[in-house]
PDB file of all heavy atoms in Angstrom:
ATOM      1  N   PHE A   1      81.024 138.946 107.767  1.00  0.00           N
ATOM      2  CA  PHE A   1      80.491 140.092 108.494  1.00  0.00           C
ATOM      3  C   PHE A   1      81.478 141.248 108.393  1.00  0.00           C
ATOM      4  O   PHE A   1      82.682 141.056 108.187  1.00  0.00           O
ATOM      5  CB  PHE A   1      80.229 139.754 109.965  1.00  0.00           C
ATOM      6  CG  PHE A   1      81.423 139.161 110.678  1.00  0.00           C
ATOM      7  CD1 PHE A   1      82.363 139.966 111.297  1.00  0.00           C
ATOM      8  CD2 PHE A   1      81.603 137.776 110.711  1.00  0.00           C
ATOM      9  CE1 PHE A   1      83.458 139.427 111.946  1.00  0.00           C
ATOM     10  CE2 PHE A   1      82.705 137.220 111.363  1.00  0.00           C
ATOM     11  CZ  PHE A   1      83.631 138.051 111.972  1.00  0.00           C
ATOM     12  N   ASP A   2      80.947 142.455 108.543  1.00  0.00           N
ATOM     13  CA  ASP A   2      81.791 143.640 108.483  1.00  0.00           C
ATOM     14  C   ASP A   2      82.595 143.783 109.768  1.00  0.00           C
ATOM     15  O   ASP A   2      82.120 143.464 110.863  1.00  0.00           O
ATOM     16  CB  ASP A   2      80.938 144.896 108.267  1.00  0.00           C
ATOM     17  CG  ASP A   2      80.266 144.906 106.907  1.00  0.00           C
ATOM     18  OD1 ASP A   2      80.817 144.278 105.974  1.00  0.00           O
ATOM     19  OD2 ASP A   2      79.191 145.536 106.771  1.00  0.00           O
ATOM     20  N   LEU A   3      83.812 144.268 109.630  1.00  0.00           N
ATOM     21  CA  LEU A   3      84.699 144.479 110.762  1.00  0.00           C
ATOM     22  C   LEU A   3      84.562 145.910 111.248  1.00  0.00           C
ATOM     23  O   LEU A   3      84.754 146.854 110.480  1.00  0.00           O
ATOM     24  CB  LEU A   3      86.147 144.187 110.371  1.00  0.00           C
ATOM     25  CG  LEU A   3      86.443 142.765 109.877  1.00  0.00           C
ATOM     26  CD1 LEU A   3      87.895 142.628 109.459  1.00  0.00           C
ATOM     27  CD2 LEU A   3      86.097 141.750 110.952  1.00  0.00           C
ATOM     28  N   THR A   4      84.239 146.069 112.519  1.00  0.00           N
ATOM     29  CA  THR A   4      84.070 147.399 113.093  1.00  0.00           C
ATOM     30  C   THR A   4      85.003 147.660 114.278  1.00  0.00           C
ATOM     31  O   THR A   4      85.190 148.812 114.657  1.00  0.00           O
ATOM     32  CB  THR A   4      82.623 147.616 113.549  1.00  0.00           C
ATOM     33  OG1 THR A   4      82.265 146.607 114.509  1.00  0.00           O
ATOM     34  CG2 THR A   4      81.670 147.524 112.350  1.00  0.00           C
ATOM     35  N   ARG A   5      85.590 146.603 114.830  1.00  0.00           N
ATOM     36  CA  ARG A   5      86.479 146.787 115.977  1.00  0.00           C
ATOM     37  C   ARG A   5      87.526 145.676 116.003  1.00  0.00           C
ATOM     38  O   ARG A   5      87.201 144.490 115.902  1.00  0.00           O
ATOM     39  CB  ARG A   5      85.707 146.800 117.297  1.00  0.00           C
ATOM     40  CG  ARG A   5      86.585 147.085 118.526  1.00  0.00           C
ATOM     41  CD  ARG A   5      85.747 147.099 119.801  1.00  0.00           C
ATOM     42  NE  ARG A   5      86.557 147.330 120.987  1.00  0.00           N
ATOM     43  CZ  ARG A   5      86.825 148.534 121.475  1.00  0.00           C
ATOM     44  NH1 ARG A   5      86.363 149.602 120.881  1.00  0.00           N
ATOM     45  NH2 ARG A   5      87.570 148.670 122.565  1.00  0.00           N
ATOM     46  N   LEU A   6      88.797 146.074 116.160  1.00  0.00           N
ATOM     47  CA  LEU A   6      89.918 145.150 116.247  1.00  0.00           C
ATOM     48  C   LEU A   6      90.721 145.478 117.497  1.00  0.00           C
ATOM     49  O   LEU A   6      90.880 146.637 117.857  1.00  0.00           O
ATOM     50  CB  LEU A   6      90.829 145.262 115.008  1.00  0.00           C
ATOM     51  CG  LEU A   6      90.149 145.208 113.628  1.00  0.00           C
ATOM     52  CD1 LEU A   6      91.163 145.469 112.531  1.00  0.00           C
ATOM     53  CD2 LEU A   6      89.451 143.876 113.409  1.00  0.00           C
ATOM     54  N   GLU A   7      91.252 144.448 118.149  1.00  0.00           N
ATOM     55  CA  GLU A   7      92.125 144.621 119.296  1.00  0.00           C
ATOM     56  C   GLU A   7      93.368 143.770 119.128  1.00  0.00           C
ATOM     57  O   GLU A   7      93.326 142.718 118.490  1.00  0.00           O
ATOM     58  CB  GLU A   7      91.407 144.262 120.608  1.00  0.00           C
ATOM     59  CG  GLU A   7      90.307 145.236 120.998  1.00  0.00           C
ATOM     60  CD  GLU A   7      89.725 144.959 122.368  1.00  0.00           C
ATOM     61  OE1 GLU A   7      90.162 143.976 123.012  1.00  0.00           O
ATOM     62  OE2 GLU A   7      88.835 145.714 122.812  1.00  0.00           O
ATOM     63  N   CYS A   8      94.470 144.231 119.701  1.00  0.00           N
ATOM     64  CA  CYS A   8      95.739 143.509 119.585  1.00  0.00           C
ATOM     65  C   CYS A   8      96.473 143.571 120.914  1.00  0.00           C
ATOM     66  O   CYS A   8      96.542 144.633 121.553  1.00  0.00           O
ATOM     67  CB  CYS A   8      96.607 144.097 118.475  1.00  0.00           C
ATOM     68  SG  CYS A   8      98.172 143.218 118.200  1.00  0.00           S
ATOM     69  N   PHE A   9      97.048 142.428 121.336  1.00  0.00           N
ATOM     70  CA  PHE A   9      97.807 142.321 122.575  1.00  0.00           C
ATOM     71  C   PHE A   9      99.284 142.066 122.263  1.00  0.00           C
ATOM     72  O   PHE A   9      99.620 141.363 121.308  1.00  0.00           O
ATOM     73  CB  PHE A   9      97.276 141.174 123.442  1.00  0.00           C
ATOM     74  CG  PHE A   9      96.069 141.533 124.249  1.00  0.00           C
ATOM     75  CD1 PHE A   9      94.823 141.587 123.659  1.00  0.00           C
ATOM     76  CD2 PHE A   9      96.167 141.824 125.599  1.00  0.00           C
ATOM     77  CE1 PHE A   9      93.699 141.923 124.394  1.00  0.00           C
ATOM     78  CE2 PHE A   9      95.054 142.158 126.338  1.00  0.00           C
ATOM     79  CZ  PHE A   9      93.815 142.204 125.742  1.00  0.00           C
ATOM     80  N   ASP A  10     100.150 142.629 123.102  1.00  0.00           N
ATOM     81  CA  ASP A  10     101.587 142.399 122.995  1.00  0.00           C
ATOM     82  C   ASP A  10     102.178 142.398 124.397  1.00  0.00           C
ATOM     83  O   ASP A  10     101.687 143.094 125.294  1.00  0.00           O
ATOM     84  CB  ASP A  10     102.256 143.454 122.125  1.00  0.00           C
ATOM     85  CG  ASP A  10     103.706 143.080 121.794  1.00  0.00           C
ATOM     86  OD1 ASP A  10     104.036 141.880 121.849  1.00  0.00           O
ATOM     87  OD2 ASP A  10     104.506 143.981 121.480  1.00  0.00           O
ATOM     88  N   ILE A  11     103.245 141.613 124.586  1.00  0.00           N
ATOM     89  CA  ILE A  11     103.934 141.491 125.863  1.00  0.00           C
ATOM     90  C   ILE A  11     105.329 142.061 125.707  1.00  0.00           C
ATOM     91  O   ILE A  11     106.025 141.778 124.717  1.00  0.00           O
ATOM     92  CB  ILE A  11     104.014 140.028 126.341  1.00  0.00           C
ATOM     93  CG1 ILE A  11     102.615 139.377 126.315  1.00  0.00           C
ATOM     94  CG2 ILE A  11     104.614 139.958 127.725  1.00  0.00           C
ATOM     95  CD1 ILE A  11     101.626 139.975 127.276  1.00  0.00           C
ATOM     96  N   SER A  12     105.763 142.862 126.676  1.00  0.00           N
ATOM     97  CA  SER A  12     107.084 143.467 126.630  1.00  0.00           C
ATOM     98  C   SER A  12     107.774 143.303 127.977  1.00  0.00           C
ATOM     99  O   SER A  12     107.169 143.545 129.026  1.00  0.00           O
ATOM    100  CB  SER A  12     106.991 144.947 126.256  1.00  0.00           C
ATOM    101  OG  SER A  12     108.285 145.538 126.196  1.00  0.00           O
ATOM    102  N   HIS A  13     109.053 142.897 127.951  1.00  0.00           N
ATOM    103  CA  HIS A  13     109.875 142.787 129.166  1.00  0.00           C
ATOM    104  C   HIS A  13     111.335 142.708 128.754  1.00  0.00           C
ATOM    105  O   HIS A  13     111.661 142.531 127.575  1.00  0.00           O
ATOM    106  CB  HIS A  13     109.483 141.559 129.996  1.00  0.00           C
ATOM    107  CG  HIS A  13     109.598 140.265 129.254  1.00  0.00           C
ATOM    108  ND1 HIS A  13     110.794 139.588 129.103  1.00  0.00           N
ATOM    109  CD2 HIS A  13     108.666 139.504 128.613  1.00  0.00           C
ATOM    110  CE1 HIS A  13     110.598 138.480 128.406  1.00  0.00           C
ATOM    111  NE2 HIS A  13     109.310 138.408 128.083  1.00  0.00           N
ATOM    112  N   THR A  14     112.217 142.833 129.711  1.00  0.00           N
ATOM    113  CA  THR A  14     113.647 142.699 129.502  1.00  0.00           C
ATOM    114  C   THR A  14     114.157 141.583 130.399  1.00  0.00           C
ATOM    115  O   THR A  14     114.349 141.779 131.608  1.00  0.00           O
ATOM    116  CB  THR A  14     114.389 144.001 129.818  1.00  0.00           C
ATOM    117  OG1 THR A  14     113.876 145.061 128.998  1.00  0.00           O
ATOM    118  CG2 THR A  14     115.878 143.852 129.532  1.00  0.00           C
ATOM    119  N   GLY A  15     114.352 140.413 129.808  1.00  0.00           N
ATOM    120  CA  GLY A  15     114.791 139.266 130.598  1.00  0.00           C
ATOM    121  C   GLY A  15     113.823 138.898 131.702  1.00  0.00           C
ATOM    122  O   GLY A  15     114.230 138.401 132.754  1.00  0.00           O
ATOM    123  N   GLY A  16     112.545 139.144 131.480  1.00  0.00           N
ATOM    124  CA  GLY A  16     111.542 138.842 132.483  1.00  0.00           C
ATOM    125  C   GLY A  16     111.304 139.943 133.488  1.00  0.00           C
ATOM    126  O   GLY A  16     110.430 139.805 134.361  1.00  0.00           O
ATOM    127  N   GLU A  17     112.051 141.048 133.396  1.00  0.00           N
ATOM    128  CA  GLU A  17     111.918 142.150 134.343  1.00  0.00           C
ATOM    129  C   GLU A  17     110.825 143.104 133.900  1.00  0.00           C
ATOM    130  O   GLU A  17     110.723 143.475 132.736  1.00  0.00           O
ATOM    131  CB  GLU A  17     113.239 142.915 134.462  1.00  0.00           C
ATOM    132  CG  GLU A  17     113.167 144.127 135.372  1.00  0.00           C
ATOM    133  CD  GLU A  17     114.404 144.995 135.304  1.00  0.00           C
ATOM    134  OE1 GLU A  17     115.301 144.692 134.498  1.00  0.00           O
ATOM    135  OE2 GLU A  17     114.470 146.001 136.044  1.00  0.00           O
ATOM    136  N   ALA A  18     110.006 143.539 134.869  1.00  0.00           N
ATOM    137  CA  ALA A  18     108.984 144.561 134.638  1.00  0.00           C
ATOM    138  C   ALA A  18     108.104 144.226 133.438  1.00  0.00           C
ATOM    139  O   ALA A  18     107.966 145.016 132.493  1.00  0.00           O
ATOM    140  CB  ALA A  18     109.626 145.937 134.470  1.00  0.00           C
ATOM    141  N   THR A  19     107.487 143.046 133.454  1.00  0.00           N
ATOM    142  CA  THR A  19     106.652 142.611 132.342  1.00  0.00           C
ATOM    143  C   THR A  19     105.384 143.451 132.258  1.00  0.00           C
ATOM    144  O   THR A  19     104.685 143.644 133.259  1.00  0.00           O
ATOM    145  CB  THR A  19     106.286 141.131 132.492  1.00  0.00           C
ATOM    146  OG1 THR A  19     107.488 140.356 132.580  1.00  0.00           O
ATOM    147  CG2 THR A  19     105.471 140.654 131.312  1.00  0.00           C
ATOM    148  N   VAL A  20     105.093 143.920 131.059  1.00  0.00           N
ATOM    149  CA  VAL A  20     103.918 144.739 130.798  1.00  0.00           C
ATOM    150  C   VAL A  20     103.199 144.191 129.574  1.00  0.00           C
ATOM    151  O   VAL A  20     103.827 143.887 128.559  1.00  0.00           O
ATOM    152  CB  VAL A  20     104.293 146.216 130.566  1.00  0.00           C
ATOM    153  CG1 VAL A  20     103.070 147.012 130.106  1.00  0.00           C
ATOM    154  CG2 VAL A  20     104.861 146.831 131.829  1.00  0.00           C
ATOM    155  N   ALA A  21     101.882 144.025 129.685  1.00  0.00           N
ATOM    156  CA  ALA A  21     101.035 143.653 128.554  1.00  0.00           C
ATOM    157  C   ALA A  21     100.256 144.875 128.104  1.00  0.00           C
ATOM    158  O   ALA A  21      99.810 145.675 128.927  1.00  0.00           O
ATOM    159  CB  ALA A  21     100.084 142.528 128.934  1.00  0.00           C
ATOM    160  N   ALA A  22     100.108 145.021 126.799  1.00  0.00           N
ATOM    161  CA  ALA A  22      99.415 146.171 126.234  1.00  0.00           C
ATOM    162  C   ALA A  22      98.317 145.708 125.296  1.00  0.00           C
ATOM    163  O   ALA A  22      98.459 144.711 124.597  1.00  0.00           O
ATOM    164  CB  ALA A  22     100.387 147.080 125.490  1.00  0.00           C
ATOM    165  N   CYS A  23      97.220 146.457 125.300  1.00  0.00           N
ATOM    166  CA  CYS A  23      96.096 146.214 124.409  1.00  0.00           C
ATOM    167  C   CYS A  23      95.747 147.506 123.693  1.00  0.00           C
ATOM    168  O   CYS A  23      95.552 148.542 124.334  1.00  0.00           O
ATOM    169  CB  CYS A  23      94.887 145.698 125.185  1.00  0.00           C
ATOM    170  SG  CYS A  23      93.357 145.562 124.198  1.00  0.00           S
ATOM    171  N   VAL A  24      95.696 147.463 122.361  1.00  0.00           N
ATOM    172  CA  VAL A  24      95.286 148.613 121.562  1.00  0.00           C
ATOM    173  C   VAL A  24      94.023 148.245 120.799  1.00  0.00           C
ATOM    174  O   VAL A  24      93.772 147.074 120.510  1.00  0.00           O
ATOM    175  CB  VAL A  24      96.399 149.064 120.595  1.00  0.00           C
ATOM    176  CG1 VAL A  24      97.639 149.473 121.366  1.00  0.00           C
ATOM    177  CG2 VAL A  24      96.738 147.970 119.589  1.00  0.00           C
ATOM    178  N   ALA A  25      93.221 149.259 120.470  1.00  0.00           N
ATOM    179  CA  ALA A  25      91.939 149.056 119.794  1.00  0.00           C
ATOM    180  C   ALA A  25      91.860 149.937 118.561  1.00  0.00           C
ATOM    181  O   ALA A  25      92.316 151.084 118.578  1.00  0.00           O
ATOM    182  CB  ALA A  25      90.777 149.356 120.737  1.00  0.00           C
ATOM    183  N   PHE A  26      91.288 149.389 117.487  1.00  0.00           N
ATOM    184  CA  PHE A  26      91.087 150.112 116.239  1.00  0.00           C
ATOM    185  C   PHE A  26      89.642 149.936 115.794  1.00  0.00           C
ATOM    186  O   PHE A  26      89.042 148.880 115.980  1.00  0.00           O
ATOM    187  CB  PHE A  26      92.027 149.600 115.140  1.00  0.00           C
ATOM    188  CG  PHE A  26      93.422 150.156 115.211  1.00  0.00           C
ATOM    189  CD1 PHE A  26      94.270 149.801 116.235  1.00  0.00           C
ATOM    190  CD2 PHE A  26      93.893 151.046 114.260  1.00  0.00           C
ATOM    191  CE1 PHE A  26      95.552 150.307 116.318  1.00  0.00           C
ATOM    192  CE2 PHE A  26      95.168 151.568 114.322  1.00  0.00           C
ATOM    193  CZ  PHE A  26      96.000 151.197 115.349  1.00  0.00           C
ATOM    194  N   GLY A  27      89.095 151.012 115.203  1.00  0.00           N
ATOM    195  CA  GLY A  27      87.756 150.980 114.656  1.00  0.00           C
ATOM    196  C   GLY A  27      87.727 151.502 113.240  1.00  0.00           C
ATOM    197  O   GLY A  27      88.770 151.645 112.586  1.00  0.00           O
ATOM    198  N   VAL A  28      86.546 151.836 112.773  1.00  0.00           N
ATOM    199  CA  VAL A  28      86.395 152.301 111.393  1.00  0.00           C
ATOM    200  C   VAL A  28      87.037 153.661 111.176  1.00  0.00           C
ATOM    201  O   VAL A  28      87.302 154.059 110.044  1.00  0.00           O
ATOM    202  CB  VAL A  28      84.903 152.341 111.002  1.00  0.00           C
ATOM    203  CG1 VAL A  28      84.320 150.947 110.968  1.00  0.00           C
ATOM    204  CG2 VAL A  28      84.113 153.229 111.963  1.00  0.00           C
ATOM    205  N   GLU A  29      87.308 154.395 112.240  1.00  0.00           N
ATOM    206  CA  GLU A  29      87.950 155.700 112.138  1.00  0.00           C
ATOM    207  C   GLU A  29      89.416 155.671 112.526  1.00  0.00           C
ATOM    208  O   GLU A  29      90.052 156.713 112.640  1.00  0.00           O
ATOM    209  CB  GLU A  29      87.203 156.732 112.984  1.00  0.00           C
ATOM    210  CG  GLU A  29      85.766 156.980 112.524  1.00  0.00           C
ATOM    211  CD  GLU A  29      85.084 158.062 113.313  1.00  0.00           C
ATOM    212  OE1 GLU A  29      85.714 158.587 114.252  1.00  0.00           O
ATOM    213  OE2 GLU A  29      83.923 158.405 112.988  1.00  0.00           O
ATOM    214  N   GLY A  30      89.966 154.476 112.748  1.00  0.00           N
ATOM    215  CA  GLY A  30      91.366 154.343 113.103  1.00  0.00           C
ATOM    216  C   GLY A  30      91.547 153.945 114.555  1.00  0.00           C
ATOM    217  O   GLY A  30      90.700 153.263 115.150  1.00  0.00           O
ATOM    218  N   ALA A  31      92.659 154.366 115.136  1.00  0.00           N
ATOM    219  CA  ALA A  31      92.983 154.007 116.507  1.00  0.00           C
ATOM    220  C   ALA A  31      92.001 154.623 117.490  1.00  0.00           C
ATOM    221  O   ALA A  31      91.664 155.803 117.391  1.00  0.00           O
ATOM    222  CB  ALA A  31      94.402 154.443 116.843  1.00  0.00           C
ATOM    223  N   ILE A  32      91.537 153.828 118.447  1.00  0.00           N
ATOM    224  CA  ILE A  32      90.650 154.290 119.513  1.00  0.00           C
ATOM    225  C   ILE A  32      91.487 154.356 120.784  1.00  0.00           C
ATOM    226  O   ILE A  32      91.494 153.442 121.620  1.00  0.00           O
ATOM    227  CB  ILE A  32      89.447 153.351 119.690  1.00  0.00           C
ATOM    228  CG1 ILE A  32      88.776 153.064 118.344  1.00  0.00           C
ATOM    229  CG2 ILE A  32      88.430 153.955 120.654  1.00  0.00           C
ATOM    230  CD1 ILE A  32      87.671 152.034 118.417  1.00  0.00           C
ATOM    231  N   LYS A  33      92.226 155.453 120.966  1.00  0.00           N
ATOM    232  CA  LYS A  33      93.193 155.544 122.054  1.00  0.00           C
ATOM    233  C   LYS A  33      92.533 155.590 123.425  1.00  0.00           C
ATOM    234  O   LYS A  33      93.196 155.271 124.424  1.00  0.00           O
ATOM    235  CB  LYS A  33      94.090 156.762 121.840  1.00  0.00           C
ATOM    236  CG  LYS A  33      94.963 156.643 120.587  1.00  0.00           C
ATOM    237  CD  LYS A  33      96.027 157.709 120.530  1.00  0.00           C
ATOM    238  CE  LYS A  33      96.939 157.492 119.314  1.00  0.00           C
ATOM    239  NZ  LYS A  33      98.038 158.498 119.256  1.00  0.00           N
ATOM    240  N   ALA A  34      91.286 155.985 123.483  1.00  0.00           N
ATOM    241  CA  ALA A  34      90.587 155.978 124.768  1.00  0.00           C
ATOM    242  C   ALA A  34      90.406 154.563 125.306  1.00  0.00           C
ATOM    243  O   ALA A  34      90.206 154.374 126.513  1.00  0.00           O
ATOM    244  CB  ALA A  34      89.230 156.663 124.629  1.00  0.00           C
ATOM    245  N   ASP A  35      90.480 153.557 124.436  1.00  0.00           N
ATOM    246  CA  ASP A  35      90.307 152.161 124.846  1.00  0.00           C
ATOM    247  C   ASP A  35      91.637 151.434 124.992  1.00  0.00           C
ATOM    248  O   ASP A  35      91.649 150.222 125.198  1.00  0.00           O
ATOM    249  CB  ASP A  35      89.411 151.421 123.847  1.00  0.00           C
ATOM    250  CG  ASP A  35      87.979 151.918 123.879  1.00  0.00           C
ATOM    251  OD1 ASP A  35      87.617 152.623 124.833  1.00  0.00           O
ATOM    252  OD2 ASP A  35      87.206 151.614 122.940  1.00  0.00           O
ATOM    253  N   TYR A  36      92.756 152.131 124.845  1.00  0.00           N
ATOM    254  CA  TYR A  36      94.063 151.513 125.080  1.00  0.00           C
ATOM    255  C   TYR A  36      94.194 151.141 126.562  1.00  0.00           C
ATOM    256  O   TYR A  36      93.772 151.869 127.444  1.00  0.00           O
ATOM    257  CB  TYR A  36      95.200 152.464 124.711  1.00  0.00           C
ATOM    258  CG  TYR A  36      95.490 152.589 123.226  1.00  0.00           C
ATOM    259  CD1 TYR A  36      94.544 152.259 122.271  1.00  0.00           C
ATOM    260  CD2 TYR A  36      96.723 153.048 122.777  1.00  0.00           C
ATOM    261  CE1 TYR A  36      94.805 152.385 120.923  1.00  0.00           C
ATOM    262  CE2 TYR A  36      97.007 153.184 121.434  1.00  0.00           C
ATOM    263  CZ  TYR A  36      96.047 152.868 120.502  1.00  0.00           C
ATOM    264  OH  TYR A  36      96.314 152.992 119.164  1.00  0.00           O
TER     265      TYR A  36
END
């Protein structure tokens, strides 16, 4: 099937402090920053 939308998750912290998870989205036109 054709790919029209991709998402990626990443976890960031410093020794467990202030842990933040991020999700970014990409489509056929590139990054979809409104869906970050």
